[in-house]
Amino acid sequence: MPALRRLVAAATAAAGAIAAVGLAAAPAASARPAGSLPYLSQFQRLKTIASTVPANGDLNPYGVWILRDSIGRLHKGNILVSNFNNKNNLQGTGRTIVQITPRGRRTVFADINPRTLPGACPGGVGLTTALVVLPNGWVVVGSTPSRNGMASTSAAGCLIVLNAWGKVAETISGRGINGPWDATVVITGHFAQLFVTNVLNGTRRANGKVVHRGTVLRITLQLFRSAPPARVKTTVIGSGFPQRTDPNAFILGPTGVGIGQRGVLYVAETLTSRIWQIPRALTRHGSAGQGRLLTKGRFLSMPLGLALAPNSNVLTVNGGNGRIVETTPNGRQIFSRFLDTSGSPPGAGALFGLAVLKGRGGVYYVDDAQNTLRLLH
């Protein structure tokens, strides 16, 4: 996203660049827990899997999800990627989800027409990083749309639910859903606990000023085999996160989320380069505010996508410096390396969604600078 690159470059010039350690991996050896190695230290190679640009020209890949089962047109081991921009690079107007094989074959899983949605989705379609797949092949993707690519014309959007054949089955909107930006999910029997960050509460009216109204919702969905999931309850479990609109970067606010041990929800907060932890995320009845600070600064620079490694460490990719960072559950940043070095500063505005393969397979991530799906392995 070139506009975000310009924003990051200006912010970096004002605050001072983060110390560069070259293209090779940069473990923070002094902070490494005794007797353990960073999960990311075993991976040395970067591989481009495929372009994420479908036939309609959609750009700016955001969400990433690795398919665990085969059903309908979804195939186990393939990767889904959602696109946020259209072919004219207007943010909040992308409408496609592509499916990519590990060998790089790309097909369009869904091309969502905003005029034929079966339910409410204020503003239309602009697919975000919020992308998850539920049992029986139900795909849930966030929409934070814009009429002209600017946040000033954005609207609350919704969650769009598609079946395993790529057909939209329903929308989930309102009751706190306002600019769904990223998501993760935990399956508990016949229910799914869907955690969604929201970035539009009060941001448009503030006209570029920072407002502390970003939220994290826990949306409880009842699951069915042949019918789309039904929303049972919505609970605000996180609130007060800083966010703002920007004519270049669209929106900056709470983004990546991931569930760790003992039900701790980690939240990547982009504006001040922090990762927060919300305790008892699966069971709490009210908001924890921003929760407890896990880590801030150092290698973090505008963290966006977040995922949990097999060793329970927190992985985040940065929109500010093109790095992936590994942080322990006690807040120590133990590893960092560049995934993208293009732009000025290196990697600015390039990284968004990521997903971790089981075992030692590696980490899939999208590179917005090249509109590609890539693998660190």
Protein backbone atom coordinates (compact mmCIF):
# COMPACT_ATOMS: atom_id res chain seq x y z
CA MET A 1 0.00 0.00 0.00
CA PRO A 2 2.06 2.98 -1.22
CA ALA A 3 0.08 5.51 0.82
CA LEU A 4 0.81 3.67 4.04
CA ARG A 5 4.47 3.56 3.06
CA ARG A 6 4.51 7.37 2.91
CA LEU A 7 2.82 7.59 6.29
CA VAL A 8 5.30 5.18 7.87
CA ALA A 9 8.25 6.99 6.33
CA ALA A 10 7.11 10.28 7.82
CA ALA A 11 6.51 8.74 11.24
CA THR A 12 9.89 7.05 11.22
CA ALA A 13 11.69 10.24 10.28
CA ALA A 14 10.10 11.97 13.25
CA ALA A 15 10.67 9.22 15.79
CA GLY A 16 14.00 7.82 14.59
CA ALA A 17 14.43 4.58 12.69
CA ILE A 18 14.43 1.26 14.50
CA ALA A 19 17.90 -0.24 14.59
CA ALA A 20 18.51 -2.31 11.49
CA VAL A 21 20.21 -5.68 11.74
CA GLY A 22 20.37 -6.60 8.07
CA LEU A 23 18.44 -9.15 6.07
CA ALA A 24 19.40 -12.11 8.19
CA ALA A 25 17.41 -13.20 11.24
CA ALA A 26 18.13 -11.15 14.33
CA PRO A 27 17.59 -13.10 17.55
CA ALA A 28 17.75 -11.12 20.77
CA ALA A 29 20.04 -13.64 22.38
CA SER A 30 20.35 -11.87 25.73
CA ALA A 31 16.57 -12.05 26.23
CA ARG A 32 16.18 -15.70 25.22
CA PRO A 33 14.61 -17.91 27.90
CA ALA A 34 17.05 -20.47 29.21
CA GLY A 35 16.80 -23.86 27.54
CA SER A 36 14.64 -22.77 24.63
CA LEU A 37 15.05 -21.44 21.12
CA PRO A 38 12.78 -19.06 19.25
CA TYR A 39 10.29 -20.86 17.01
CA LEU A 40 11.27 -18.64 14.09
CA SER A 41 14.99 -19.40 14.39
CA GLN A 42 14.57 -22.70 12.50
CA PHE A 43 13.43 -20.93 9.31
CA GLN A 44 15.96 -19.41 6.95
CA ARG A 45 14.27 -19.12 3.54
CA LEU A 46 11.61 -16.89 2.03
CA LYS A 47 9.55 -18.26 -0.85
CA THR A 48 6.97 -16.53 -3.03
CA ILE A 49 4.01 -18.89 -3.42
CA ALA A 50 1.81 -16.93 -5.83
CA SER A 51 0.36 -13.59 -6.78
CA THR A 52 -2.82 -12.82 -4.84
CA VAL A 53 -4.30 -10.71 -7.68
CA PRO A 54 -7.38 -12.36 -9.25
CA ALA A 55 -8.80 -11.70 -12.72
CA ASN A 56 -10.79 -8.66 -11.56
CA GLY A 57 -7.55 -6.98 -10.44
CA ASP A 58 -8.22 -6.74 -6.68
CA LEU A 59 -5.13 -5.68 -4.73
CA ASN A 60 -3.84 -5.34 -1.16
CA PRO A 61 -4.09 -8.84 0.34
CA TYR A 62 -5.06 -8.75 4.01
CA GLY A 63 -6.42 -11.92 5.64
CA VAL A 64 -4.73 -15.35 5.54
CA TRP A 65 -6.21 -18.71 6.59
CA ILE A 66 -4.84 -22.24 6.14
CA LEU A 67 -7.57 -24.79 5.39
CA ARG A 68 -7.63 -27.76 7.76
CA ASP A 69 -10.30 -29.82 5.98
CA SER A 70 -11.66 -30.44 2.49
CA ILE A 71 -15.31 -29.65 1.83
CA GLY A 72 -17.08 -28.16 -1.15
CA ARG A 73 -14.56 -26.03 -3.08
CA LEU A 74 -12.28 -25.74 -0.05
CA HIS A 75 -9.27 -28.07 -0.11
CA LYS A 76 -7.16 -29.09 2.87
CA GLY A 77 -3.73 -27.46 2.91
CA ASN A 78 -4.70 -24.61 0.61
CA ILE A 79 -4.63 -21.01 1.76
CA LEU A 80 -7.42 -18.43 1.60
CA VAL A 81 -6.51 -14.76 1.13
CA SER A 82 -8.91 -11.79 1.26
CA ASN A 83 -8.31 -8.59 -0.74
CA PHE A 84 -9.01 -5.09 0.61
CA ASN A 85 -8.47 -2.90 -2.51
CA ASN A 86 -9.96 -2.99 -5.99
CA LYS A 87 -7.99 -2.84 -9.24
CA ASN A 88 -7.73 0.96 -8.93
CA ASN A 89 -6.04 0.48 -5.53
CA LEU A 90 -8.96 2.08 -3.68
CA GLN A 91 -9.00 0.86 -0.10
CA GLY A 92 -12.14 -0.68 1.32
CA THR A 93 -13.42 -1.77 -2.09
CA GLY A 94 -11.85 -5.24 -2.53
CA ARG A 95 -14.42 -8.03 -2.83
CA THR A 96 -12.55 -11.26 -3.59
CA ILE A 97 -11.25 -14.21 -1.60
CA VAL A 98 -8.69 -16.27 -3.49
CA GLN A 99 -7.65 -19.86 -2.77
CA ILE A 100 -3.99 -20.74 -3.35
CA THR A 101 -2.38 -24.17 -3.31
CA PRO A 102 1.02 -24.67 -1.63
CA ARG A 103 2.46 -25.02 -5.15
CA GLY A 104 1.08 -21.65 -6.21
CA ARG A 105 -2.08 -22.34 -8.19
CA ARG A 106 -4.58 -19.54 -7.56
CA THR A 107 -8.34 -19.67 -8.05
CA VAL A 108 -11.13 -17.32 -6.97
CA PHE A 109 -13.09 -18.82 -4.10
CA ALA A 110 -15.54 -15.91 -3.88
CA ASP A 111 -16.30 -12.64 -5.64
CA ILE A 112 -18.80 -10.92 -3.35
CA ASN A 113 -21.32 -8.60 -4.97
CA PRO A 114 -22.40 -5.89 -2.50
CA ARG A 115 -25.71 -5.47 -4.33
CA THR A 116 -26.82 -9.06 -3.74
CA LEU A 117 -25.93 -9.56 -0.07
CA PRO A 118 -28.71 -11.45 1.75
CA GLY A 119 -28.58 -9.21 4.83
CA ALA A 120 -27.41 -5.89 6.21
CA CYS A 121 -23.84 -4.75 5.66
CA PRO A 122 -23.73 -0.95 6.05
CA GLY A 123 -21.55 0.51 3.29
CA GLY A 124 -21.09 -2.62 1.19
CA VAL A 125 -17.98 -4.75 0.69
CA GLY A 126 -14.32 -4.11 1.45
CA LEU A 127 -12.72 -7.31 2.76
CA THR A 128 -10.39 -7.01 5.74
CA THR A 129 -7.89 -9.17 7.63
CA ALA A 130 -10.78 -10.72 9.60
CA LEU A 131 -10.86 -14.13 7.90
CA VAL A 132 -11.65 -17.45 9.60
CA VAL A 133 -13.10 -20.81 8.59
CA LEU A 134 -15.55 -22.65 10.84
CA PRO A 135 -16.41 -26.38 10.87
CA ASN A 136 -18.41 -27.63 7.87
CA GLY A 137 -16.74 -25.09 5.62
CA TRP A 138 -18.42 -21.88 6.74
CA VAL A 139 -16.12 -18.98 5.86
CA VAL A 140 -16.41 -15.72 7.81
CA VAL A 141 -14.78 -12.55 6.46
CA GLY A 142 -14.91 -8.98 7.72
CA SER A 143 -16.04 -6.07 5.57
CA THR A 144 -15.00 -2.47 6.32
CA PRO A 145 -16.11 -0.72 3.13
CA SER A 146 -15.48 2.69 1.58
CA ARG A 147 -17.18 4.46 -1.31
CA ASN A 148 -13.99 6.06 -2.69
CA GLY A 149 -11.04 4.43 -0.93
CA MET A 150 -10.95 6.97 1.91
CA ALA A 151 -11.87 6.32 5.53
CA SER A 152 -14.04 9.45 5.53
CA THR A 153 -16.59 7.55 3.43
CA SER A 154 -16.29 4.24 5.28
CA ALA A 155 -19.21 2.56 7.00
CA ALA A 156 -19.77 0.06 9.79
CA GLY A 157 -19.66 -2.97 7.49
CA CYS A 158 -20.37 -6.48 8.74
CA LEU A 159 -19.17 -10.06 8.90
CA ILE A 160 -20.00 -11.96 5.71
CA VAL A 161 -20.62 -15.71 6.01
CA LEU A 162 -20.07 -17.89 2.93
CA ASN A 163 -20.64 -21.60 2.45
CA ALA A 164 -17.97 -24.04 1.30
CA TRP A 165 -18.81 -23.31 -2.35
CA GLY A 166 -18.13 -19.59 -2.02
CA LYS A 167 -21.75 -18.44 -1.95
CA VAL A 168 -22.77 -15.80 0.58
CA ALA A 169 -25.24 -17.29 3.07
CA GLU A 170 -25.76 -14.47 5.56
CA THR A 171 -24.33 -11.31 7.07
CA ILE A 172 -23.78 -10.51 10.74
CA SER A 173 -23.96 -6.80 11.57
CA GLY A 174 -24.71 -4.34 14.33
CA ARG A 175 -24.49 -4.94 18.09
CA GLY A 176 -20.98 -3.54 18.26
CA ILE A 177 -19.69 -4.58 14.84
CA ASN A 178 -18.25 -1.33 13.48
CA GLY A 179 -15.31 -1.66 11.12
CA PRO A 180 -14.34 -5.33 11.72
CA TRP A 181 -10.59 -5.33 11.18
CA ASP A 182 -9.21 -8.72 12.20
CA ALA A 183 -10.46 -11.90 13.85
CA THR A 184 -9.63 -15.24 15.37
CA VAL A 185 -11.83 -18.11 16.51
CA VAL A 186 -11.99 -20.88 19.10
CA ILE A 187 -14.33 -23.85 18.57
CA THR A 188 -16.01 -25.25 21.69
CA GLY A 189 -18.33 -28.12 20.83
CA HIS A 190 -21.29 -26.84 18.84
CA PHE A 191 -20.27 -23.23 19.37
CA ALA A 192 -17.62 -20.89 18.00
CA GLN A 193 -16.19 -18.02 19.99
CA LEU A 194 -15.29 -15.42 17.36
CA PHE A 195 -13.05 -12.56 18.48
CA VAL A 196 -13.23 -9.45 16.29
CA THR A 197 -11.40 -6.11 16.55
CA ASN A 198 -13.35 -2.99 15.52
CA VAL A 199 -11.78 0.29 14.42
CA LEU A 200 -14.56 2.69 13.43
CA ASN A 201 -16.06 3.69 16.78
CA GLY A 202 -15.81 7.48 16.69
CA THR A 203 -12.90 7.58 14.28
CA ARG A 204 -14.59 9.18 11.29
CA ARG A 205 -16.11 11.98 13.36
CA ALA A 206 -12.70 12.67 14.93
CA ASN A 207 -11.36 13.54 11.46
CA GLY A 208 -7.86 12.12 11.92
CA LYS A 209 -7.49 12.73 15.65
CA VAL A 210 -6.79 9.79 17.94
CA VAL A 211 -9.80 8.42 19.80
CA HIS A 212 -9.60 5.67 22.41
CA ARG A 213 -12.66 3.71 21.34
CA GLY A 214 -11.32 0.62 19.58
CA THR A 215 -12.99 -2.59 20.76
CA VAL A 216 -12.65 -6.35 20.81
CA LEU A 217 -15.90 -8.32 20.59
CA ARG A 218 -16.47 -11.95 21.50
CA ILE A 219 -19.29 -13.14 19.27
CA THR A 220 -20.73 -16.51 20.26
CA LEU A 221 -22.00 -18.46 17.24
CA GLN A 222 -24.02 -21.66 17.33
CA LEU A 223 -22.79 -24.09 14.68
CA PHE A 224 -24.88 -26.28 12.39
CA ARG A 225 -23.94 -28.79 9.72
CA SER A 226 -26.08 -27.56 6.83
CA ALA A 227 -27.23 -24.13 8.03
CA PRO A 228 -25.09 -21.05 8.54
CA PRO A 229 -24.00 -20.22 12.10
CA ALA A 230 -26.38 -18.23 14.30
CA ARG A 231 -25.25 -15.41 16.57
CA VAL A 232 -26.18 -16.19 20.16
CA LYS A 233 -24.48 -13.40 22.07
CA THR A 234 -22.06 -10.51 21.64
CA THR A 235 -19.79 -9.39 24.49
CA VAL A 236 -17.36 -6.47 24.54
CA ILE A 237 -14.25 -7.93 26.18
CA GLY A 238 -11.76 -5.20 25.19
CA SER A 239 -12.16 -1.46 24.79
CA GLY A 240 -10.35 1.86 24.85
CA PHE A 241 -7.78 1.04 22.18
CA PRO A 242 -6.37 4.08 20.35
CA GLN A 243 -7.33 4.45 16.72
CA ARG A 244 -7.59 7.08 14.04
CA THR A 245 -8.42 7.51 10.40
CA ASP A 246 -5.83 8.77 7.96
CA PRO A 247 -6.23 9.97 4.35
CA ASN A 248 -3.30 7.77 3.33
CA ALA A 249 -3.42 4.75 5.64
CA PHE A 250 -7.24 4.44 5.92
CA ILE A 251 -7.42 3.37 9.59
CA LEU A 252 -4.85 2.61 12.29
CA GLY A 253 -6.09 0.78 15.38
CA PRO A 254 -6.29 -2.61 17.12
CA THR A 255 -5.69 -5.32 14.54
CA GLY A 256 -4.33 -8.84 14.99
CA VAL A 257 -5.75 -11.15 17.65
CA GLY A 258 -4.81 -14.62 18.85
CA ILE A 259 -5.77 -16.91 21.76
CA GLY A 260 -2.95 -18.23 23.90
CA GLN A 261 -2.69 -20.44 26.96
CA ARG A 262 -5.26 -20.14 29.76
CA GLY A 263 -7.61 -18.20 27.50
CA VAL A 264 -5.45 -15.10 27.15
CA LEU A 265 -6.30 -13.05 24.07
CA TYR A 266 -3.39 -11.14 22.55
CA VAL A 267 -4.16 -7.94 20.65
CA ALA A 268 -1.75 -6.13 18.31
CA GLU A 269 -2.25 -2.38 18.71
CA THR A 270 -0.88 -0.54 15.71
CA LEU A 271 -0.82 3.12 16.69
CA THR A 272 1.57 2.91 19.63
CA SER A 273 3.31 -0.35 18.65
CA ARG A 274 2.15 -2.45 21.58
CA ILE A 275 0.80 -5.93 22.20
CA TRP A 276 -1.86 -6.28 24.89
CA GLN A 277 -3.25 -9.34 26.66
CA ILE A 278 -6.84 -9.74 27.77
CA PRO A 279 -7.22 -12.43 30.46
CA ARG A 280 -10.12 -14.90 30.59
CA ALA A 281 -11.18 -13.94 27.07
CA LEU A 282 -13.32 -17.05 26.65
CA THR A 283 -15.33 -16.59 29.82
CA ARG A 284 -15.28 -12.95 30.94
CA HIS A 285 -18.61 -11.12 31.09
CA GLY A 286 -17.34 -7.59 30.48
CA SER A 287 -14.54 -5.47 29.14
CA ALA A 288 -11.00 -5.66 30.45
CA GLY A 289 -10.25 -2.32 28.82
CA GLN A 290 -6.99 -2.70 26.97
CA GLY A 291 -5.97 -5.45 29.36
CA ARG A 292 -2.36 -5.89 30.44
CA LEU A 293 0.61 -4.73 28.40
CA LEU A 294 2.66 -7.62 27.05
CA THR A 295 5.38 -5.72 25.19
CA LYS A 296 6.02 -2.50 23.32
CA GLY A 297 8.59 -0.79 21.13
CA ARG A 298 11.98 -2.32 20.29
CA PHE A 299 11.41 -4.42 17.14
CA LEU A 300 7.69 -3.63 17.08
CA SER A 301 6.69 -0.93 14.60
CA MET A 302 2.98 -0.71 13.73
CA PRO A 303 2.20 -4.41 14.42
CA LEU A 304 -0.72 -5.67 12.32
CA GLY A 305 -1.19 -9.42 11.85
CA LEU A 306 -0.80 -11.72 14.87
CA ALA A 307 -0.68 -15.49 15.31
CA LEU A 308 0.43 -18.00 17.95
CA ALA A 309 3.44 -20.23 17.33
CA PRO A 310 3.39 -23.93 18.33
CA ASN A 311 5.57 -23.04 21.34
CA SER A 312 2.88 -20.55 22.52
CA ASN A 313 4.98 -17.52 21.61
CA VAL A 314 3.29 -14.56 19.94
CA LEU A 315 4.20 -13.80 16.31
CA THR A 316 3.44 -10.38 14.86
CA VAL A 317 4.19 -8.78 11.51
CA ASN A 318 4.90 -5.07 11.33
CA GLY A 319 3.48 -2.54 8.91
CA GLY A 320 6.19 -0.09 9.96
CA ASN A 321 9.42 -1.95 9.30
CA GLY A 322 8.69 -5.17 7.39
CA ARG A 323 9.67 -7.43 10.27
CA ILE A 324 8.20 -10.48 11.93
CA VAL A 325 8.71 -10.50 15.70
CA GLU A 326 8.49 -13.36 18.20
CA THR A 327 7.53 -12.53 21.78
CA THR A 328 7.26 -14.91 24.73
CA PRO A 329 4.11 -15.02 26.90
CA ASN A 330 6.06 -13.09 29.56
CA GLY A 331 6.74 -10.24 27.16
CA ARG A 332 10.31 -10.83 25.97
CA GLN A 333 10.95 -10.10 22.30
CA ILE A 334 13.36 -12.93 21.49
CA PHE A 335 13.56 -12.90 17.70
CA SER A 336 13.09 -10.58 14.74
CA ARG A 337 13.84 -10.64 11.05
CA PHE A 338 12.91 -8.79 7.90
CA LEU A 339 10.25 -10.34 5.65
CA ASP A 340 10.13 -7.34 3.32
CA THR A 341 12.83 -4.72 2.73
CA SER A 342 11.27 -2.67 -0.05
CA GLY A 343 10.22 0.94 0.37
CA SER A 344 11.53 3.61 2.72
CA PRO A 345 11.95 2.75 5.53
CA PRO A 346 12.48 -0.92 4.55
CA GLY A 347 9.29 -2.92 4.63
CA ALA A 348 6.98 0.02 5.24
CA GLY A 349 3.32 -0.85 4.68
CA ALA A 350 4.01 -4.33 3.28
CA LEU A 351 2.83 -6.87 5.85
CA PHE A 352 -0.67 -7.68 7.11
CA GLY A 353 -2.07 -11.19 7.62
CA LEU A 354 -0.14 -14.32 8.62
CA ALA A 355 -0.91 -17.97 9.46
CA VAL A 356 1.26 -20.66 11.02
CA LEU A 357 1.59 -24.15 9.57
CA LYS A 358 1.54 -27.09 11.96
CA GLY A 359 4.82 -28.52 13.16
CA ARG A 360 7.83 -27.11 11.39
CA GLY A 361 6.13 -26.14 8.16
CA GLY A 362 6.69 -22.39 8.46
CA VAL A 363 4.64 -19.22 8.35
CA TYR A 364 2.50 -17.99 5.46
CA TYR A 365 2.12 -14.23 5.13
CA VAL A 366 0.93 -11.70 2.57
CA ASP A 367 3.21 -9.03 1.14
CA ASP A 368 1.25 -5.97 0.06
CA ALA A 369 4.25 -4.42 -1.63
CA GLN A 370 4.22 -7.24 -4.17
CA ASN A 371 0.60 -8.47 -3.82
CA THR A 372 1.85 -11.96 -3.11
CA LEU A 373 1.45 -14.84 -0.69
CA ARG A 374 4.84 -15.84 0.71
CA LEU A 375 6.25 -18.50 3.02
CA LEU A 376 8.96 -18.24 5.66
CA HIS A 377 10.34 -21.76 5.98
